[in-house]
Amino acid sequence: MPFPLRLVPDDTAIRFMRGRFAGPLVSAVLSIASIILFFVPGLNYGIDFRGGVVTELRLQQEPDLAALRAGFEGLHLGEVKLQGFGASRDVRVSLDQRAANDDAKHAMSAMLTRDFPGTEIRSAEAIGARVSAELFRHGMLASAAALAAVLVYIWFRFDWRFGVGVVATLLLDLTKTIGFLALTQLQFDLNSVAAILMLIGYSVTDKVVVYDRIRENLRKHPTMALRALIDRSINQTLGRTVATSLTVLLSILPLALIGGESIRDFAVIIIFGIVVGTSSSIFIAAPLLLYLGRNALGGAARPAALADRSATA
């Protein structure tokens, strides 16, 4: 017996392509605004990209991270980032450049001796601006390589028009995500780069589902006008798109609400990216394919008269 609950009815017939001009136009405006925000006020770079001090500690017992964070924040050395690694008693502490001087080191040592007796400082390493610049460059290269791989994959699996549509939409999604980071001043660090790479994968998957149904319908309905065919394809995949997005949102939402500082920022970026990526599959990727493939997709089997008639509908 089929499950009675449907997030989206099976017989939806929403005419999404009525917004074929508004979707890309609004997205382009938001992306231009995001590029401006990238320069003014700019991103709030984390320790990974602006440099700092990384100290590895081994405590006598499993650490109370909240108490440990409060202890370091009480030293007024700027941003504090805690991360467990290795054994359960090991903690990696990332601090601002202000922790690099001798007075700060003595203050940290005294705080640990007083509040966390028996703590062993296993290593302390300063991350300079040069290393931070390399990390930033490598993060950007990873994102660019991911986009290039997506273009090649879609090109060979579908058609170059599909590939251009996906990559152009991803670029718009990424610029809006960067603008969101600049507007909210969430920390931009290696966790943010990981979130962006994850969003690229999620967004591509969602767009491939829609594009795959469009390709399938191109074969099933060779005489259907492209605009109507795209509307049908989006409606047929709408239930899957909504269900997948809600599943990911529900799984990541607790991290955004009760997670630690670094995890919370990561989760917020993911949530924003899912909303943007899901909506762009419908309102940007599909219209771009309509523009790119109006005179090509379907070939001679798609009469021009039908395309013209659908365009004026």
Protein backbone atom coordinates (compact mmCIF):
# COMPACT_ATOMS: atom_id res chain seq x y z
CA MET A 1 0.00 0.00 0.00
CA PRO A 2 1.54 3.35 -0.98
CA PHE A 3 2.35 5.83 1.76
CA PRO A 4 -0.58 8.32 1.87
CA LEU A 5 1.44 11.42 2.80
CA ARG A 6 2.86 13.42 -0.10
CA LEU A 7 4.89 16.57 0.40
CA VAL A 8 4.09 17.44 -3.22
CA PRO A 9 1.05 16.02 -5.05
CA ASP A 10 1.87 13.68 -7.92
CA ASP A 11 -0.22 15.66 -10.40
CA THR A 12 1.30 19.13 -9.93
CA ALA A 13 1.31 21.28 -13.05
CA ILE A 14 3.02 24.48 -11.94
CA ARG A 15 4.18 26.62 -14.87
CA PHE A 16 7.64 27.45 -13.55
CA MET A 17 8.85 28.85 -16.87
CA ARG A 18 6.53 31.83 -16.45
CA GLY A 19 9.35 33.13 -14.24
CA ARG A 20 12.06 32.35 -16.79
CA PHE A 21 13.09 36.02 -16.93
CA ALA A 22 12.63 36.98 -13.28
CA GLY A 23 14.63 34.08 -11.82
CA PRO A 24 17.95 34.65 -13.63
CA LEU A 25 17.54 38.45 -13.37
CA VAL A 26 17.04 38.43 -9.59
CA SER A 27 19.87 35.93 -9.19
CA ALA A 28 22.24 38.09 -11.27
CA VAL A 29 21.39 41.19 -9.20
CA LEU A 30 21.99 39.30 -5.93
CA SER A 31 25.28 37.90 -7.25
CA ILE A 32 26.52 41.37 -8.26
CA ALA A 33 25.59 42.65 -4.79
CA SER A 34 27.46 39.69 -3.29
CA ILE A 35 30.60 40.54 -5.26
CA ILE A 36 30.41 44.08 -3.89
CA LEU A 37 30.01 42.71 -0.36
CA PHE A 38 33.09 40.54 -0.90
CA PHE A 39 35.14 43.74 -1.15
CA VAL A 40 33.13 45.93 1.24
CA PRO A 41 32.93 44.96 4.08
CA GLY A 42 34.74 41.79 3.01
CA LEU A 43 34.91 38.35 4.60
CA ASN A 44 35.57 37.70 8.27
CA TYR A 45 38.61 35.46 7.81
CA GLY A 46 39.24 32.89 10.53
CA ILE A 47 42.58 31.88 12.01
CA ASP A 48 43.16 29.44 9.16
CA PHE A 49 43.43 32.31 6.68
CA ARG A 50 44.73 35.24 8.69
CA GLY A 51 47.29 33.43 10.82
CA GLY A 52 47.53 32.73 14.52
CA VAL A 53 48.88 30.29 17.10
CA VAL A 54 47.95 26.60 17.28
CA THR A 55 48.62 24.90 20.62
CA GLU A 56 48.13 21.19 21.27
CA LEU A 57 47.21 20.22 24.84
CA ARG A 58 46.83 16.93 26.70
CA LEU A 59 44.65 17.25 29.79
CA GLN A 60 44.56 14.97 32.82
CA GLN A 61 41.00 13.91 32.05
CA GLU A 62 38.46 14.30 29.28
CA PRO A 63 38.20 18.06 28.75
CA ASP A 64 35.24 20.25 29.51
CA LEU A 65 35.42 22.25 26.30
CA ALA A 66 33.05 24.95 27.54
CA ALA A 67 35.21 25.57 30.63
CA LEU A 68 38.39 25.43 28.56
CA ARG A 69 37.00 27.94 26.09
CA ALA A 70 35.92 30.24 28.91
CA GLY A 71 39.41 30.06 30.38
CA PHE A 72 41.08 31.11 27.13
CA GLU A 73 38.49 33.79 26.40
CA GLY A 74 39.20 35.26 29.82
CA LEU A 75 42.75 35.99 28.67
CA HIS A 76 41.36 38.39 26.03
CA LEU A 77 43.54 37.01 23.23
CA GLY A 78 40.87 37.29 20.56
CA GLU A 79 39.18 34.44 18.76
CA VAL A 80 39.42 30.98 20.36
CA LYS A 81 38.85 27.78 18.39
CA LEU A 82 38.88 24.34 20.07
CA GLN A 83 39.09 21.01 18.32
CA GLY A 84 39.50 17.49 19.65
CA PHE A 85 42.08 15.24 17.98
CA GLY A 86 43.99 12.06 18.68
CA ALA A 87 43.20 10.68 22.15
CA SER A 88 40.08 11.75 24.04
CA ARG A 89 42.17 13.98 26.34
CA ASP A 90 43.85 15.86 23.48
CA VAL A 91 42.66 19.30 22.40
CA ARG A 92 43.94 21.60 19.69
CA VAL A 93 43.54 25.30 20.56
CA SER A 94 43.74 27.92 17.78
CA LEU A 95 44.28 31.50 18.90
CA ASP A 96 44.69 34.92 17.37
CA GLN A 97 48.08 36.40 16.50
CA ARG A 98 47.95 38.20 19.86
CA ALA A 99 48.83 34.87 21.50
CA ALA A 100 52.23 34.79 19.79
CA ASN A 101 54.08 37.07 22.26
CA ASP A 102 55.81 35.88 25.44
CA ASP A 103 53.37 37.62 27.82
CA ALA A 104 50.45 35.80 26.24
CA LYS A 105 52.27 32.46 26.47
CA HIS A 106 52.95 32.99 30.17
CA ALA A 107 49.31 33.97 30.76
CA MET A 108 48.08 30.82 29.00
CA SER A 109 50.47 28.63 30.98
CA ALA A 110 49.40 30.20 34.27
CA MET A 111 45.68 29.78 33.42
CA LEU A 112 46.13 26.12 32.55
CA THR A 113 48.15 25.44 35.71
CA ARG A 114 45.50 27.14 37.85
CA ASP A 115 42.28 25.89 36.24
CA PHE A 116 43.38 22.65 34.58
CA PRO A 117 46.24 21.24 36.68
CA GLY A 118 48.35 18.54 35.06
CA THR A 119 47.72 19.84 31.53
CA GLU A 120 50.65 19.18 29.21
CA ILE A 121 51.43 21.66 26.43
CA ARG A 122 52.62 19.26 23.76
CA SER A 123 53.33 21.80 21.01
CA ALA A 124 52.78 25.44 20.09
CA GLU A 125 53.13 26.61 16.52
CA ALA A 126 52.58 30.01 14.94
CA ILE A 127 50.80 30.14 11.56
CA GLY A 128 52.16 33.08 9.61
CA ALA A 129 50.51 35.15 6.92
CA ARG A 130 52.36 33.23 4.19
CA VAL A 131 50.97 29.86 5.32
CA SER A 132 47.50 31.39 5.67
CA ALA A 133 47.70 32.77 2.12
CA GLU A 134 48.63 29.33 0.84
CA LEU A 135 45.70 27.74 2.65
CA PHE A 136 43.35 30.33 1.14
CA ARG A 137 44.77 29.78 -2.34
CA HIS A 138 44.49 26.00 -2.03
CA GLY A 139 40.90 26.32 -0.83
CA MET A 140 39.98 28.45 -3.83
CA LEU A 141 41.80 26.05 -6.18
CA ALA A 142 39.83 23.16 -4.71
CA SER A 143 36.56 24.99 -5.41
CA ALA A 144 37.65 25.84 -8.98
CA ALA A 145 38.72 22.23 -9.60
CA ALA A 146 35.32 21.03 -8.37
CA LEU A 147 33.54 23.35 -10.82
CA ALA A 148 35.76 22.19 -13.69
CA ALA A 149 35.08 18.54 -12.84
CA VAL A 150 31.33 19.26 -12.80
CA LEU A 151 31.50 20.88 -16.25
CA VAL A 152 33.39 17.91 -17.74
CA TYR A 153 31.05 15.38 -16.10
CA ILE A 154 27.83 17.07 -17.25
CA TRP A 155 29.28 17.72 -20.72
CA PHE A 156 30.00 14.03 -21.31
CA ARG A 157 26.87 12.69 -19.63
CA PHE A 158 24.40 15.09 -21.22
CA ASP A 159 25.25 17.85 -23.68
CA TRP A 160 27.44 20.96 -23.53
CA ARG A 161 24.35 23.12 -23.02
CA PHE A 162 23.49 21.20 -19.86
CA GLY A 163 27.07 21.59 -18.64
CA VAL A 164 27.12 25.34 -19.21
CA GLY A 165 23.75 25.68 -17.50
CA VAL A 166 24.90 23.79 -14.39
CA VAL A 167 28.24 25.60 -14.04
CA ALA A 168 26.70 29.04 -14.63
CA THR A 169 24.07 28.31 -11.97
CA LEU A 170 26.72 27.02 -9.55
CA LEU A 171 28.74 30.21 -10.01
CA LEU A 172 25.65 32.25 -9.16
CA ASP A 173 24.99 30.06 -6.11
CA LEU A 174 28.60 30.39 -4.92
CA THR A 175 28.70 34.16 -5.27
CA LYS A 176 25.48 34.45 -3.27
CA THR A 177 26.95 32.20 -0.57
CA ILE A 178 30.05 34.40 -0.40
CA GLY A 179 27.80 37.46 -0.17
CA PHE A 180 25.89 35.80 2.67
CA LEU A 181 29.16 35.19 4.53
CA ALA A 182 30.23 38.81 4.03
CA LEU A 183 26.82 40.16 5.11
CA THR A 184 26.53 38.02 8.25
CA GLN A 185 30.28 38.16 9.05
CA LEU A 186 30.35 34.44 9.77
CA GLN A 187 33.93 33.22 9.98
CA PHE A 188 35.43 32.15 6.69
CA ASP A 189 37.89 29.34 7.39
CA LEU A 190 38.69 25.84 6.19
CA ASN A 191 35.34 24.63 7.58
CA SER A 192 33.64 27.17 5.32
CA VAL A 193 35.57 25.89 2.30
CA ALA A 194 34.48 22.35 3.20
CA ALA A 195 30.86 23.54 3.43
CA ILE A 196 31.11 25.22 0.02
CA LEU A 197 32.56 22.06 -1.57
CA MET A 198 29.74 20.05 0.01
CA LEU A 199 27.20 22.50 -1.40
CA ILE A 200 28.69 22.13 -4.87
CA GLY A 201 28.14 18.38 -4.66
CA TYR A 202 24.60 18.74 -3.32
CA SER A 203 23.62 21.39 -5.85
CA VAL A 204 25.02 19.39 -8.77
CA THR A 205 23.11 16.29 -7.66
CA ASP A 206 19.86 18.23 -7.49
CA LYS A 207 20.37 19.80 -10.91
CA VAL A 208 21.37 16.49 -12.50
CA VAL A 209 18.07 14.97 -11.33
CA VAL A 210 16.10 17.73 -13.05
CA TYR A 211 18.27 17.68 -16.17
CA ASP A 212 18.09 13.89 -16.40
CA ARG A 213 14.30 14.02 -16.41
CA ILE A 214 14.41 16.75 -19.07
CA ARG A 215 16.65 14.56 -21.23
CA GLU A 216 14.34 11.60 -20.71
CA ASN A 217 11.29 13.64 -21.69
CA LEU A 218 13.09 14.97 -24.77
CA ARG A 219 13.14 11.37 -26.00
CA LYS A 220 9.61 10.52 -24.89
CA HIS A 221 7.96 13.68 -26.26
CA PRO A 222 9.87 14.75 -29.38
CA THR A 223 7.12 17.11 -30.52
CA MET A 224 6.49 18.87 -27.19
CA ALA A 225 7.60 22.51 -26.98
CA LEU A 226 10.73 22.85 -24.88
CA ARG A 227 9.18 25.31 -22.43
CA ALA A 228 6.26 22.98 -21.66
CA LEU A 229 8.61 19.99 -21.49
CA ILE A 230 10.83 21.70 -18.90
CA ASP A 231 7.77 22.59 -16.80
CA ARG A 232 6.65 18.96 -16.91
CA SER A 233 10.10 17.71 -15.94
CA ILE A 234 10.38 20.04 -12.95
CA ASN A 235 6.92 19.05 -11.70
CA GLN A 236 7.79 15.36 -12.04
CA THR A 237 10.94 15.76 -9.90
CA LEU A 238 9.52 18.34 -7.47
CA GLY A 239 8.53 15.79 -4.83
CA ARG A 240 12.01 14.26 -4.79
CA THR A 241 13.65 17.70 -4.65
CA VAL A 242 11.52 18.89 -1.73
CA ALA A 243 11.90 15.62 0.22
CA THR A 244 15.68 15.57 -0.20
CA SER A 245 16.07 19.21 0.80
CA LEU A 246 13.89 18.83 3.89
CA THR A 247 15.76 15.68 4.95
CA VAL A 248 19.11 17.44 4.78
CA LEU A 249 17.73 20.55 6.50
CA LEU A 250 16.26 18.56 9.38
CA SER A 251 19.52 16.68 9.88
CA ILE A 252 21.69 19.81 9.88
CA LEU A 253 19.35 22.13 11.80
CA PRO A 254 20.29 20.79 15.29
CA LEU A 255 23.95 21.59 14.55
CA ALA A 256 23.00 25.17 13.71
CA LEU A 257 20.94 25.53 16.91
CA ILE A 258 23.06 23.79 19.56
CA GLY A 259 26.43 23.11 17.92
CA GLY A 260 29.71 24.72 18.92
CA GLU A 261 30.87 27.94 17.30
CA SER A 262 32.76 26.40 14.37
CA ILE A 263 30.15 23.67 13.79
CA ARG A 264 27.33 26.22 14.02
CA ASP A 265 28.83 28.42 11.32
CA PHE A 266 29.37 25.36 9.12
CA ALA A 267 25.74 24.30 9.57
CA VAL A 268 24.36 27.78 8.85
CA ILE A 269 26.32 27.91 5.58
CA ILE A 270 24.96 24.49 4.61
CA ILE A 271 21.37 25.54 5.36
CA PHE A 272 21.70 28.72 3.31
CA GLY A 273 23.32 26.78 0.45
CA ILE A 274 20.59 24.15 0.40
CA VAL A 275 17.88 26.80 0.10
CA VAL A 276 19.78 28.63 -2.65
CA GLY A 277 20.81 25.44 -4.47
CA THR A 278 17.31 23.94 -4.46
CA SER A 279 15.62 27.11 -5.71
CA SER A 280 18.29 27.68 -8.37
CA SER A 281 17.67 24.23 -9.88
CA ILE A 282 14.14 25.37 -10.71
CA PHE A 283 14.35 29.10 -11.30
CA ILE A 284 17.86 29.48 -12.80
CA ALA A 285 19.23 26.21 -14.21
CA ALA A 286 16.01 25.36 -16.04
CA PRO A 287 15.53 28.81 -17.67
CA LEU A 288 19.20 28.83 -18.74
CA LEU A 289 18.69 25.49 -20.46
CA LEU A 290 15.59 26.90 -22.14
CA TYR A 291 17.61 29.81 -23.57
CA LEU A 292 20.60 27.67 -24.56
CA GLY A 293 18.61 24.83 -26.11
CA ARG A 294 15.57 26.52 -27.64
CA ASN A 295 16.78 25.93 -31.21
CA ALA A 296 18.92 22.85 -30.63
CA LEU A 297 17.52 20.38 -28.10
CA GLY A 298 15.24 17.93 -29.78
CA GLY A 299 16.63 18.73 -33.24
CA ALA A 300 14.42 18.58 -36.30
CA ALA A 301 11.81 16.55 -34.44
CA ARG A 302 10.83 19.64 -32.42
CA PRO A 303 8.89 21.87 -34.83
CA ALA A 304 9.67 25.58 -34.61
CA ALA A 305 5.98 26.39 -34.77
CA LEU A 306 5.35 24.57 -31.50
CA ALA A 307 8.25 26.36 -29.82
CA ASP A 308 6.97 29.70 -31.02
CA ARG A 309 3.44 28.91 -29.87
CA SER A 310 4.64 27.91 -26.39
CA ALA A 311 6.70 31.08 -26.09
CA THR A 312 3.60 33.20 -26.58
CA ALA A 313 1.40 31.12 -24.29
